[in-house]
Amino acid sequence: MKIWFKVAFLILLVTGCSSKLAYNNLDWLVYWYLDDYVELNDAQESLFDTHLQNWISWHRTEELSRYITHLKSLRNDIESGSLNEERLQWHMNEATQHWARIREELSPELAKFALTLSDDQIVRMFAALENDNREEEEKWQDKQDDSAEKRLAKRKEEFYDSFKQRIGRLTDEQKAIIDKYVTQFVSTHLHWIEYRRAVQSEARRIFATRNYSEDAFIASLQALMTDPDAYRSEEYTRVRQQNNQWYTQMAAELASSLTAKQKRKLIDEISDIISDLSELLDDN
């Protein structure tokens, strides 16, 4: 199922990085990702391209203005110093809704399009997905070869680098805030791989039924694409929620510690994204 989620994710990702060049070449980028999982024939490519152009048009017309409104709200919170835990959670919920709308919009046509895939294409697609799973397991195992102290040090550096990209050089106080929270986060890598396999297993089951009832196949596949979170284990869900809570608390403390220079850098970056999105919207 990753192949379909990637199509939706790429649309959101390109908007998130506000690259106008990438957004305007989104069709090429989608096919570039698609080739890793399934090779479409000419008829399929023509049909998919029609859907893709419609999705991009919908996204540009309906979604970009929502992102602009959301980003302006985020900018206002930063400017007013009101980016507390409650507001951060609100922004996270808004981001989740952006993603949910994309899934809702794309899933009906994607489910119908899946009917055109041959048995060989389906087999190759799931083989590629399982290869991804094994590669992720290898990445996790490589990390376990390091000592606990080394893994913690790497995690700290990852957080330092992530926030540095957004606000600039960190103060000692901000590094201390990150250090305080970083030990609280629990790795979800194996849970995530298990979740991927659960979704893919359900997708295999659905694809195995496609020759019995096309309507039932479309309905089942669409339901899976719009609510894959239902396949997360209780433990995975619990750990994710706890990690999100720790992250929100950490981000709120960091927000309250911003220097004037850091705040200006963050506001300017958000303003640049708003400007890029506005230009894309005007080009519609």
C-alpha atoms as a PDB file:
ATOM      1  CA  MET A   1       0.000   0.000   0.000  1.00  0.00           C
ATOM      2  CA  LYS A   2       2.959   2.316   0.376  1.00  0.00           C
ATOM      3  CA  ILE A   3       2.814   3.059  -3.338  1.00  0.00           C
ATOM      4  CA  TRP A   4      -0.560   4.776  -2.976  1.00  0.00           C
ATOM      5  CA  PHE A   5       0.318   6.559   0.243  1.00  0.00           C
ATOM      6  CA  LYS A   6       3.459   7.916  -1.385  1.00  0.00           C
ATOM      7  CA  VAL A   7       1.432   9.607  -4.097  1.00  0.00           C
ATOM      8  CA  ALA A   8      -0.586  11.481  -1.493  1.00  0.00           C
ATOM      9  CA  PHE A   9       2.401  12.088   0.740  1.00  0.00           C
ATOM     10  CA  LEU A  10       4.452  13.555  -2.072  1.00  0.00           C
ATOM     11  CA  ILE A  11       1.806  16.172  -2.781  1.00  0.00           C
ATOM     12  CA  LEU A  12       1.836  17.197   0.862  1.00  0.00           C
ATOM     13  CA  LEU A  13       5.618  16.994   1.115  1.00  0.00           C
ATOM     14  CA  VAL A  14       6.266  19.257  -1.842  1.00  0.00           C
ATOM     15  CA  THR A  15       3.884  21.845  -0.462  1.00  0.00           C
ATOM     16  CA  GLY A  16       5.515  21.571   2.944  1.00  0.00           C
ATOM     17  CA  CYS A  17       8.947  22.371   1.572  1.00  0.00           C
ATOM     18  CA  SER A  18       7.360  25.152  -0.514  1.00  0.00           C
ATOM     19  CA  SER A  19       9.426  24.398  -3.580  1.00  0.00           C
ATOM     20  CA  LYS A  20       7.574  26.011  -6.473  1.00  0.00           C
ATOM     21  CA  LEU A  21       9.752  24.203  -8.996  1.00  0.00           C
ATOM     22  CA  ALA A  22       9.032  20.842  -7.376  1.00  0.00           C
ATOM     23  CA  TYR A  23       5.321  21.542  -7.099  1.00  0.00           C
ATOM     24  CA  ASN A  24       5.075  22.509 -10.749  1.00  0.00           C
ATOM     25  CA  ASN A  25       6.866  19.272 -11.680  1.00  0.00           C
ATOM     26  CA  LEU A  26       4.867  17.114  -9.309  1.00  0.00           C
ATOM     27  CA  ASP A  27       3.692  14.748 -12.026  1.00  0.00           C
ATOM     28  CA  TRP A  28       7.279  13.815 -12.876  1.00  0.00           C
ATOM     29  CA  LEU A  29       8.174  13.361  -9.198  1.00  0.00           C
ATOM     30  CA  VAL A  30       5.221  11.059  -8.580  1.00  0.00           C
ATOM     31  CA  TYR A  31       6.172   8.804 -11.489  1.00  0.00           C
ATOM     32  CA  TRP A  32       9.760   8.773 -10.247  1.00  0.00           C
ATOM     33  CA  TYR A  33       8.575   7.357  -6.913  1.00  0.00           C
ATOM     34  CA  LEU A  34       6.015   5.111  -8.563  1.00  0.00           C
ATOM     35  CA  ASP A  35       8.652   3.296 -10.618  1.00  0.00           C
ATOM     36  CA  ASP A  36      10.153   1.822  -7.441  1.00  0.00           C
ATOM     37  CA  TYR A  37       7.017  -0.243  -6.900  1.00  0.00           C
ATOM     38  CA  VAL A  38       5.169  -0.839 -10.145  1.00  0.00           C
ATOM     39  CA  GLU A  39       5.848  -0.327 -13.842  1.00  0.00           C
ATOM     40  CA  LEU A  40       2.699   0.957 -15.530  1.00  0.00           C
ATOM     41  CA  ASN A  41       1.815   0.109 -19.104  1.00  0.00           C
ATOM     42  CA  ASP A  42       0.864   2.856 -21.559  1.00  0.00           C
ATOM     43  CA  ALA A  43      -2.873   2.630 -20.896  1.00  0.00           C
ATOM     44  CA  GLN A  44      -2.387   2.689 -17.136  1.00  0.00           C
ATOM     45  CA  GLU A  45       0.013   5.589 -17.353  1.00  0.00           C
ATOM     46  CA  SER A  46      -2.459   7.586 -19.439  1.00  0.00           C
ATOM     47  CA  LEU A  47      -5.278   6.909 -16.960  1.00  0.00           C
ATOM     48  CA  PHE A  48      -3.111   7.645 -13.942  1.00  0.00           C
ATOM     49  CA  ASP A  49      -1.867  10.875 -15.498  1.00  0.00           C
ATOM     50  CA  THR A  50      -5.462  12.066 -15.919  1.00  0.00           C
ATOM     51  CA  HIS A  51      -6.154  11.353 -12.255  1.00  0.00           C
ATOM     52  CA  LEU A  52      -2.891  12.989 -11.202  1.00  0.00           C
ATOM     53  CA  GLN A  53      -3.594  16.213 -13.054  1.00  0.00           C
ATOM     54  CA  ASN A  54      -7.041  16.362 -11.449  1.00  0.00           C
ATOM     55  CA  TRP A  55      -5.555  15.780  -7.983  1.00  0.00           C
ATOM     56  CA  ILE A  56      -2.949  18.482  -8.461  1.00  0.00           C
ATOM     57  CA  SER A  57      -5.603  20.901  -9.693  1.00  0.00           C
ATOM     58  CA  TRP A  58      -7.789  20.084  -6.675  1.00  0.00           C
ATOM     59  CA  HIS A  59      -4.869  20.501  -4.318  1.00  0.00           C
ATOM     60  CA  ARG A  60      -3.851  23.829  -5.792  1.00  0.00           C
ATOM     61  CA  THR A  61      -7.427  25.143  -5.813  1.00  0.00           C
ATOM     62  CA  GLU A  62      -8.731  23.782  -2.517  1.00  0.00           C
ATOM     63  CA  GLU A  63      -5.783  23.115  -0.237  1.00  0.00           C
ATOM     64  CA  LEU A  64      -3.148  25.802  -0.743  1.00  0.00           C
ATOM     65  CA  SER A  65      -5.385  28.505   0.712  1.00  0.00           C
ATOM     66  CA  ARG A  66      -5.925  26.318   3.790  1.00  0.00           C
ATOM     67  CA  TYR A  67      -2.164  25.987   4.253  1.00  0.00           C
ATOM     68  CA  ILE A  68      -1.720  29.734   3.927  1.00  0.00           C
ATOM     69  CA  THR A  69      -4.373  30.385   6.567  1.00  0.00           C
ATOM     70  CA  HIS A  70      -2.803  27.820   8.878  1.00  0.00           C
ATOM     71  CA  LEU A  71       0.709  29.205   8.431  1.00  0.00           C
ATOM     72  CA  LYS A  72      -0.489  32.737   9.103  1.00  0.00           C
ATOM     73  CA  SER A  73      -2.027  31.507  12.344  1.00  0.00           C
ATOM     74  CA  LEU A  74       1.250  29.825  13.275  1.00  0.00           C
ATOM     75  CA  ARG A  75       3.175  32.989  12.450  1.00  0.00           C
ATOM     76  CA  ASN A  76       0.834  35.055  14.611  1.00  0.00           C
ATOM     77  CA  ASP A  77       1.340  32.677  17.543  1.00  0.00           C
ATOM     78  CA  ILE A  78       5.106  33.000  17.223  1.00  0.00           C
ATOM     79  CA  GLU A  79       4.971  36.781  16.915  1.00  0.00           C
ATOM     80  CA  SER A  80       2.733  37.115  19.966  1.00  0.00           C
ATOM     81  CA  GLY A  81       4.680  34.597  22.042  1.00  0.00           C
ATOM     82  CA  SER A  82       1.588  32.430  22.514  1.00  0.00           C
ATOM     83  CA  LEU A  83       2.932  29.181  21.055  1.00  0.00           C
ATOM     84  CA  ASN A  84       2.222  27.140  24.178  1.00  0.00           C
ATOM     85  CA  GLU A  85       1.370  23.438  24.481  1.00  0.00           C
ATOM     86  CA  GLU A  86      -2.296  23.998  23.728  1.00  0.00           C
ATOM     87  CA  ARG A  87      -1.599  25.991  20.579  1.00  0.00           C
ATOM     88  CA  LEU A  88       1.073  23.545  19.434  1.00  0.00           C
ATOM     89  CA  GLN A  89      -1.379  20.677  19.789  1.00  0.00           C
ATOM     90  CA  TRP A  90      -3.922  22.649  17.796  1.00  0.00           C
ATOM     91  CA  HIS A  91      -1.406  23.173  14.991  1.00  0.00           C
ATOM     92  CA  MET A  92      -0.538  19.465  15.006  1.00  0.00           C
ATOM     93  CA  ASN A  93      -4.212  18.576  14.757  1.00  0.00           C
ATOM     94  CA  GLU A  94      -4.615  20.986  11.843  1.00  0.00           C
ATOM     95  CA  ALA A  95      -1.675  19.347  10.060  1.00  0.00           C
ATOM     96  CA  THR A  96      -3.310  15.956  10.587  1.00  0.00           C
ATOM     97  CA  GLN A  97      -6.487  17.267   8.973  1.00  0.00           C
ATOM     98  CA  HIS A  98      -4.527  18.514   5.941  1.00  0.00           C
ATOM     99  CA  TRP A  99      -3.217  14.979   5.468  1.00  0.00           C
ATOM    100  CA  ALA A 100      -6.639  13.398   6.068  1.00  0.00           C
ATOM    101  CA  ARG A 101      -8.248  15.517   3.344  1.00  0.00           C
ATOM    102  CA  ILE A 102      -5.643  14.365   0.835  1.00  0.00           C
ATOM    103  CA  ARG A 103      -6.329  10.732   1.684  1.00  0.00           C
ATOM    104  CA  GLU A 104     -10.067  11.281   1.390  1.00  0.00           C
ATOM    105  CA  GLU A 105      -9.713  12.981  -1.997  1.00  0.00           C
ATOM    106  CA  LEU A 106      -7.294  10.534  -3.594  1.00  0.00           C
ATOM    107  CA  SER A 107      -8.460   7.187  -2.230  1.00  0.00           C
ATOM    108  CA  PRO A 108     -11.632   6.691  -4.351  1.00  0.00           C
ATOM    109  CA  GLU A 109      -9.852   6.993  -7.710  1.00  0.00           C
ATOM    110  CA  LEU A 110      -6.758   5.172  -6.460  1.00  0.00           C
ATOM    111  CA  ALA A 111      -8.904   2.234  -5.386  1.00  0.00           C
ATOM    112  CA  LYS A 112     -10.561   2.113  -8.811  1.00  0.00           C
ATOM    113  CA  PHE A 113      -7.207   2.440 -10.546  1.00  0.00           C
ATOM    114  CA  ALA A 114      -5.875  -0.527  -8.565  1.00  0.00           C
ATOM    115  CA  LEU A 115      -8.303  -2.727 -10.492  1.00  0.00           C
ATOM    116  CA  THR A 116      -6.185  -2.199 -13.613  1.00  0.00           C
ATOM    117  CA  LEU A 117      -3.075  -3.764 -12.075  1.00  0.00           C
ATOM    118  CA  SER A 118      -2.102  -7.187 -13.375  1.00  0.00           C
ATOM    119  CA  ASP A 119      -1.265 -10.124 -11.111  1.00  0.00           C
ATOM    120  CA  ASP A 120       2.408  -9.692 -11.984  1.00  0.00           C
ATOM    121  CA  GLN A 121       2.339  -5.994 -11.108  1.00  0.00           C
ATOM    122  CA  ILE A 122       0.707  -6.766  -7.761  1.00  0.00           C
ATOM    123  CA  VAL A 123       3.259  -9.454  -6.916  1.00  0.00           C
ATOM    124  CA  ARG A 124       6.136  -7.131  -7.796  1.00  0.00           C
ATOM    125  CA  MET A 125       4.607  -4.276  -5.802  1.00  0.00           C
ATOM    126  CA  PHE A 126       4.300  -6.293  -2.596  1.00  0.00           C
ATOM    127  CA  ALA A 127       7.777  -7.759  -3.099  1.00  0.00           C
ATOM    128  CA  ALA A 128       9.196  -4.232  -3.324  1.00  0.00           C
ATOM    129  CA  LEU A 129       7.299  -3.200  -0.199  1.00  0.00           C
ATOM    130  CA  GLU A 130       8.627  -6.170   1.753  1.00  0.00           C
ATOM    131  CA  ASN A 131      12.118  -5.341   0.560  1.00  0.00           C
ATOM    132  CA  ASP A 132      11.624  -1.899   2.107  1.00  0.00           C
ATOM    133  CA  ASN A 133      10.552  -3.548   5.353  1.00  0.00           C
ATOM    134  CA  ARG A 134      13.698  -5.653   5.478  1.00  0.00           C
ATOM    135  CA  GLU A 135      15.868  -2.628   4.773  1.00  0.00           C
ATOM    136  CA  GLU A 136      14.201  -0.802   7.663  1.00  0.00           C
ATOM    137  CA  GLU A 137      14.886  -3.777   9.931  1.00  0.00           C
ATOM    138  CA  GLU A 138      18.537  -3.672   8.906  1.00  0.00           C
ATOM    139  CA  LYS A 139      18.700   0.040   9.723  1.00  0.00           C
ATOM    140  CA  TRP A 140      17.248  -0.650  13.160  1.00  0.00           C
ATOM    141  CA  GLN A 141      19.702  -3.491  13.756  1.00  0.00           C
ATOM    142  CA  ASP A 142      22.637  -1.298  12.728  1.00  0.00           C
ATOM    143  CA  LYS A 143      21.606   1.221  15.381  1.00  0.00           C
ATOM    144  CA  GLN A 144      21.465  -1.525  18.011  1.00  0.00           C
ATOM    145  CA  ASP A 145      25.109  -2.316  17.331  1.00  0.00           C
ATOM    146  CA  ASP A 146      25.962   1.025  18.947  1.00  0.00           C
ATOM    147  CA  SER A 147      26.053   1.429  22.712  1.00  0.00           C
ATOM    148  CA  ALA A 148      23.091   3.038  24.487  1.00  0.00           C
ATOM    149  CA  GLU A 149      25.243   6.087  25.191  1.00  0.00           C
ATOM    150  CA  LYS A 150      26.166   6.479  21.535  1.00  0.00           C
ATOM    151  CA  ARG A 151      22.541   6.117  20.422  1.00  0.00           C
ATOM    152  CA  LEU A 152      21.505   8.794  22.919  1.00  0.00           C
ATOM    153  CA  ALA A 153      24.256  11.126  21.711  1.00  0.00           C
ATOM    154  CA  LYS A 154      23.135  10.650  18.095  1.00  0.00           C
ATOM    155  CA  ARG A 155      19.535  11.329  19.057  1.00  0.00           C
ATOM    156  CA  LYS A 156      20.548  14.568  20.764  1.00  0.00           C
ATOM    157  CA  GLU A 157      22.483  15.698  17.711  1.00  0.00           C
ATOM    158  CA  GLU A 158      19.513  14.916  15.482  1.00  0.00           C
ATOM    159  CA  PHE A 159      17.293  17.127  17.629  1.00  0.00           C
ATOM    160  CA  TYR A 160      19.929  19.867  17.756  1.00  0.00           C
ATOM    161  CA  ASP A 161      20.258  19.819  13.962  1.00  0.00           C
ATOM    162  CA  SER A 162      16.498  19.732  13.410  1.00  0.00           C
ATOM    163  CA  PHE A 163      15.808  22.811  15.510  1.00  0.00           C
ATOM    164  CA  LYS A 164      18.950  24.571  14.314  1.00  0.00           C
ATOM    165  CA  GLN A 165      17.632  24.409  10.745  1.00  0.00           C
ATOM    166  CA  ARG A 166      14.482  26.213  11.854  1.00  0.00           C
ATOM    167  CA  ILE A 167      15.720  28.792  14.342  1.00  0.00           C
ATOM    168  CA  GLY A 168      19.485  29.015  13.903  1.00  0.00           C
ATOM    169  CA  ARG A 169      22.224  28.385  16.428  1.00  0.00           C
ATOM    170  CA  LEU A 170      20.889  26.997  19.715  1.00  0.00           C
ATOM    171  CA  THR A 171      21.581  28.595  23.071  1.00  0.00           C
ATOM    172  CA  ASP A 172      22.891  26.569  26.004  1.00  0.00           C
ATOM    173  CA  GLU A 173      19.437  26.844  27.579  1.00  0.00           C
ATOM    174  CA  GLN A 174      17.807  25.364  24.484  1.00  0.00           C
ATOM    175  CA  LYS A 175      20.285  22.495  24.348  1.00  0.00           C
ATOM    176  CA  ALA A 176      19.519  21.815  28.003  1.00  0.00           C
ATOM    177  CA  ILE A 177      15.793  21.697  27.223  1.00  0.00           C
ATOM    178  CA  ILE A 178      16.400  19.147  24.473  1.00  0.00           C
ATOM    179  CA  ASP A 179      18.717  17.129  26.721  1.00  0.00           C
ATOM    180  CA  LYS A 180      15.996  17.008  29.378  1.00  0.00           C
ATOM    181  CA  TYR A 181      13.410  15.525  27.037  1.00  0.00           C
ATOM    182  CA  VAL A 182      15.437  13.392  24.659  1.00  0.00           C
ATOM    183  CA  THR A 183      15.785  10.557  27.177  1.00  0.00           C
ATOM    184  CA  GLN A 184      11.986  10.360  27.468  1.00  0.00           C
ATOM    185  CA  PHE A 185      11.372   9.442  23.839  1.00  0.00           C
ATOM    186  CA  VAL A 186      10.864   5.751  23.083  1.00  0.00           C
ATOM    187  CA  SER A 187      11.851   4.316  19.704  1.00  0.00           C
ATOM    188  CA  THR A 188       8.881   3.239  17.590  1.00  0.00           C
ATOM    189  CA  HIS A 189      10.930   1.902  14.681  1.00  0.00           C
ATOM    190  CA  LEU A 190      10.013  -1.759  15.172  1.00  0.00           C
ATOM    191  CA  HIS A 191       6.400  -0.851  15.939  1.00  0.00           C
ATOM    192  CA  TRP A 192       6.338   1.139  12.707  1.00  0.00           C
ATOM    193  CA  ILE A 193       7.660  -1.810  10.668  1.00  0.00           C
ATOM    194  CA  GLU A 194       5.075  -4.077  12.296  1.00  0.00           C
ATOM    195  CA  TYR A 195       2.384  -1.538  11.425  1.00  0.00           C
ATOM    196  CA  ARG A 196       3.550  -1.359   7.794  1.00  0.00           C
ATOM    197  CA  ARG A 197       3.368  -5.133   7.512  1.00  0.00           C
ATOM    198  CA  ALA A 198      -0.102  -5.195   9.070  1.00  0.00           C
ATOM    199  CA  VAL A 199      -1.370  -2.676   6.515  1.00  0.00           C
ATOM    200  CA  GLN A 200       0.339  -4.520   3.666  1.00  0.00           C
ATOM    201  CA  SER A 201      -1.064  -7.852   4.851  1.00  0.00           C
ATOM    202  CA  GLU A 202      -4.584  -6.423   4.807  1.00  0.00           C
ATOM    203  CA  ALA A 203      -3.922  -4.977   1.357  1.00  0.00           C
ATOM    204  CA  ARG A 204      -2.811  -8.404   0.107  1.00  0.00           C
ATOM    205  CA  ARG A 205      -6.029  -9.897   1.446  1.00  0.00           C
ATOM    206  CA  ILE A 206      -8.080  -7.219  -0.318  1.00  0.00           C
ATOM    207  CA  PHE A 207      -6.246  -7.658  -3.623  1.00  0.00           C
ATOM    208  CA  ALA A 208      -6.880 -11.408  -3.435  1.00  0.00           C
ATOM    209  CA  THR A 209     -10.635 -10.687  -3.530  1.00  0.00           C
ATOM    210  CA  ARG A 210     -10.665  -8.288  -6.464  1.00  0.00           C
ATOM    211  CA  ASN A 211     -11.895 -10.847  -8.995  1.00  0.00           C
ATOM    212  CA  TYR A 212     -14.948 -11.723  -6.888  1.00  0.00           C
ATOM    213  CA  SER A 213     -16.555  -8.307  -6.487  1.00  0.00           C
ATOM    214  CA  GLU A 214     -15.142  -5.098  -7.890  1.00  0.00           C
ATOM    215  CA  ASP A 215     -17.419  -2.949  -5.747  1.00  0.00           C
ATOM    216  CA  ALA A 216     -16.397  -4.741  -2.555  1.00  0.00           C
ATOM    217  CA  PHE A 217     -12.735  -4.517  -3.552  1.00  0.00           C
ATOM    218  CA  ILE A 218     -12.942  -0.761  -4.155  1.00  0.00           C
ATOM    219  CA  ALA A 219     -14.804  -0.160  -0.896  1.00  0.00           C
ATOM    220  CA  SER A 220     -12.345  -2.242   1.147  1.00  0.00           C
ATOM    221  CA  LEU A 221      -9.238  -0.731  -0.412  1.00  0.00           C
ATOM    222  CA  GLN A 222     -10.597   2.781  -0.033  1.00  0.00           C
ATOM    223  CA  ALA A 223     -11.362   2.129   3.636  1.00  0.00           C
ATOM    224  CA  LEU A 224      -7.812   0.887   4.182  1.00  0.00           C
ATOM    225  CA  MET A 225      -6.286   3.940   2.521  1.00  0.00           C
ATOM    226  CA  THR A 226      -8.409   6.424   4.453  1.00  0.00           C
ATOM    227  CA  ASP A 227      -7.903   4.782   7.849  1.00  0.00           C
ATOM    228  CA  PRO A 228      -4.607   2.861   7.941  1.00  0.00           C
ATOM    229  CA  ASP A 229      -4.115   4.019  11.544  1.00  0.00           C
ATOM    230  CA  ALA A 230      -6.593   1.340  12.592  1.00  0.00           C
ATOM    231  CA  TYR A 231      -3.805  -1.194  12.021  1.00  0.00           C
ATOM    232  CA  ARG A 232      -1.487   0.266  14.635  1.00  0.00           C
ATOM    233  CA  SER A 233      -1.138  -1.943  17.694  1.00  0.00           C
ATOM    234  CA  GLU A 234      -2.325  -0.643  21.062  1.00  0.00           C
ATOM    235  CA  GLU A 235       1.271  -0.444  22.252  1.00  0.00           C
ATOM    236  CA  TYR A 236       2.383   1.474  19.175  1.00  0.00           C
ATOM    237  CA  THR A 237      -0.499   3.905  19.602  1.00  0.00           C
ATOM    238  CA  ARG A 238       0.292   4.390  23.278  1.00  0.00           C
ATOM    239  CA  VAL A 239       3.998   5.031  22.688  1.00  0.00           C
ATOM    240  CA  ARG A 240       3.290   7.428  19.806  1.00  0.00           C
ATOM    241  CA  GLN A 241       0.881   9.413  21.929  1.00  0.00           C
ATOM    242  CA  GLN A 242       3.377   9.611  24.777  1.00  0.00           C
ATOM    243  CA  ASN A 243       6.181  10.652  22.430  1.00  0.00           C
ATOM    244  CA  ASN A 244       3.932  13.323  20.916  1.00  0.00           C
ATOM    245  CA  GLN A 245       3.139  14.634  24.372  1.00  0.00           C
ATOM    246  CA  TRP A 246       6.832  14.875  25.272  1.00  0.00           C
ATOM    247  CA  TYR A 247       7.577  16.552  21.952  1.00  0.00           C
ATOM    248  CA  THR A 248       4.814  19.117  22.434  1.00  0.00           C
ATOM    249  CA  GLN A 249       6.106  19.980  25.895  1.00  0.00           C
ATOM    250  CA  MET A 250       9.665  20.287  24.612  1.00  0.00           C
ATOM    251  CA  ALA A 251       8.647  22.426  21.632  1.00  0.00           C
ATOM    252  CA  ALA A 252       6.610  24.731  23.878  1.00  0.00           C
ATOM    253  CA  GLU A 253       9.589  25.280  26.174  1.00  0.00           C
ATOM    254  CA  LEU A 254      11.837  25.931  23.199  1.00  0.00           C
ATOM    255  CA  ALA A 255       9.309  28.385  21.755  1.00  0.00           C
ATOM    256  CA  SER A 256       9.291  30.372  24.989  1.00  0.00           C
ATOM    257  CA  SER A 257      13.101  30.476  24.971  1.00  0.00           C
ATOM    258  CA  LEU A 258      13.519  31.953  21.472  1.00  0.00           C
ATOM    259  CA  THR A 259      15.813  34.929  21.171  1.00  0.00           C
ATOM    260  CA  ALA A 260      14.703  37.907  19.090  1.00  0.00           C
ATOM    261  CA  LYS A 261      17.036  36.790  16.298  1.00  0.00           C
ATOM    262  CA  GLN A 262      15.732  33.224  16.340  1.00  0.00           C
ATOM    263  CA  LYS A 263      12.140  34.393  16.344  1.00  0.00           C
ATOM    264  CA  ARG A 264      12.796  36.637  13.348  1.00  0.00           C
ATOM    265  CA  LYS A 265      14.464  33.782  11.430  1.00  0.00           C
ATOM    266  CA  LEU A 266      11.516  31.481  12.071  1.00  0.00           C
ATOM    267  CA  ILE A 267       8.956  34.137  11.169  1.00  0.00           C
ATOM    268  CA  ASP A 268      10.846  35.011   7.980  1.00  0.00           C
ATOM    269  CA  GLU A 269      10.963  31.359   6.916  1.00  0.00           C
ATOM    270  CA  ILE A 270       7.229  30.961   7.478  1.00  0.00           C
ATOM    271  CA  SER A 271       6.591  34.189   5.571  1.00  0.00           C
ATOM    272  CA  ASP A 272       8.662  32.865   2.665  1.00  0.00           C
ATOM    273  CA  ILE A 273       6.567  29.695   2.559  1.00  0.00           C
ATOM    274  CA  ILE A 274       3.369  31.751   2.648  1.00  0.00           C
ATOM    275  CA  SER A 275       4.694  33.858  -0.224  1.00  0.00           C
ATOM    276  CA  ASP A 276       5.565  30.780  -2.292  1.00  0.00           C
ATOM    277  CA  LEU A 277       2.170  29.206  -1.675  1.00  0.00           C
ATOM    278  CA  SER A 278       0.426  32.457  -2.548  1.00  0.00           C
ATOM    279  CA  GLU A 279       2.280  32.613  -5.867  1.00  0.00           C
ATOM    280  CA  LEU A 280       1.304  29.017  -6.623  1.00  0.00           C
ATOM    281  CA  LEU A 281      -2.289  29.867  -5.805  1.00  0.00           C
ATOM    282  CA  ASP A 282      -2.200  32.957  -8.038  1.00  0.00           C
ATOM    283  CA  ASP A 283      -0.822  30.835 -10.890  1.00  0.00           C
ATOM    284  CA  ASN A 284      -3.917  28.629 -10.764  1.00  0.00           C
END
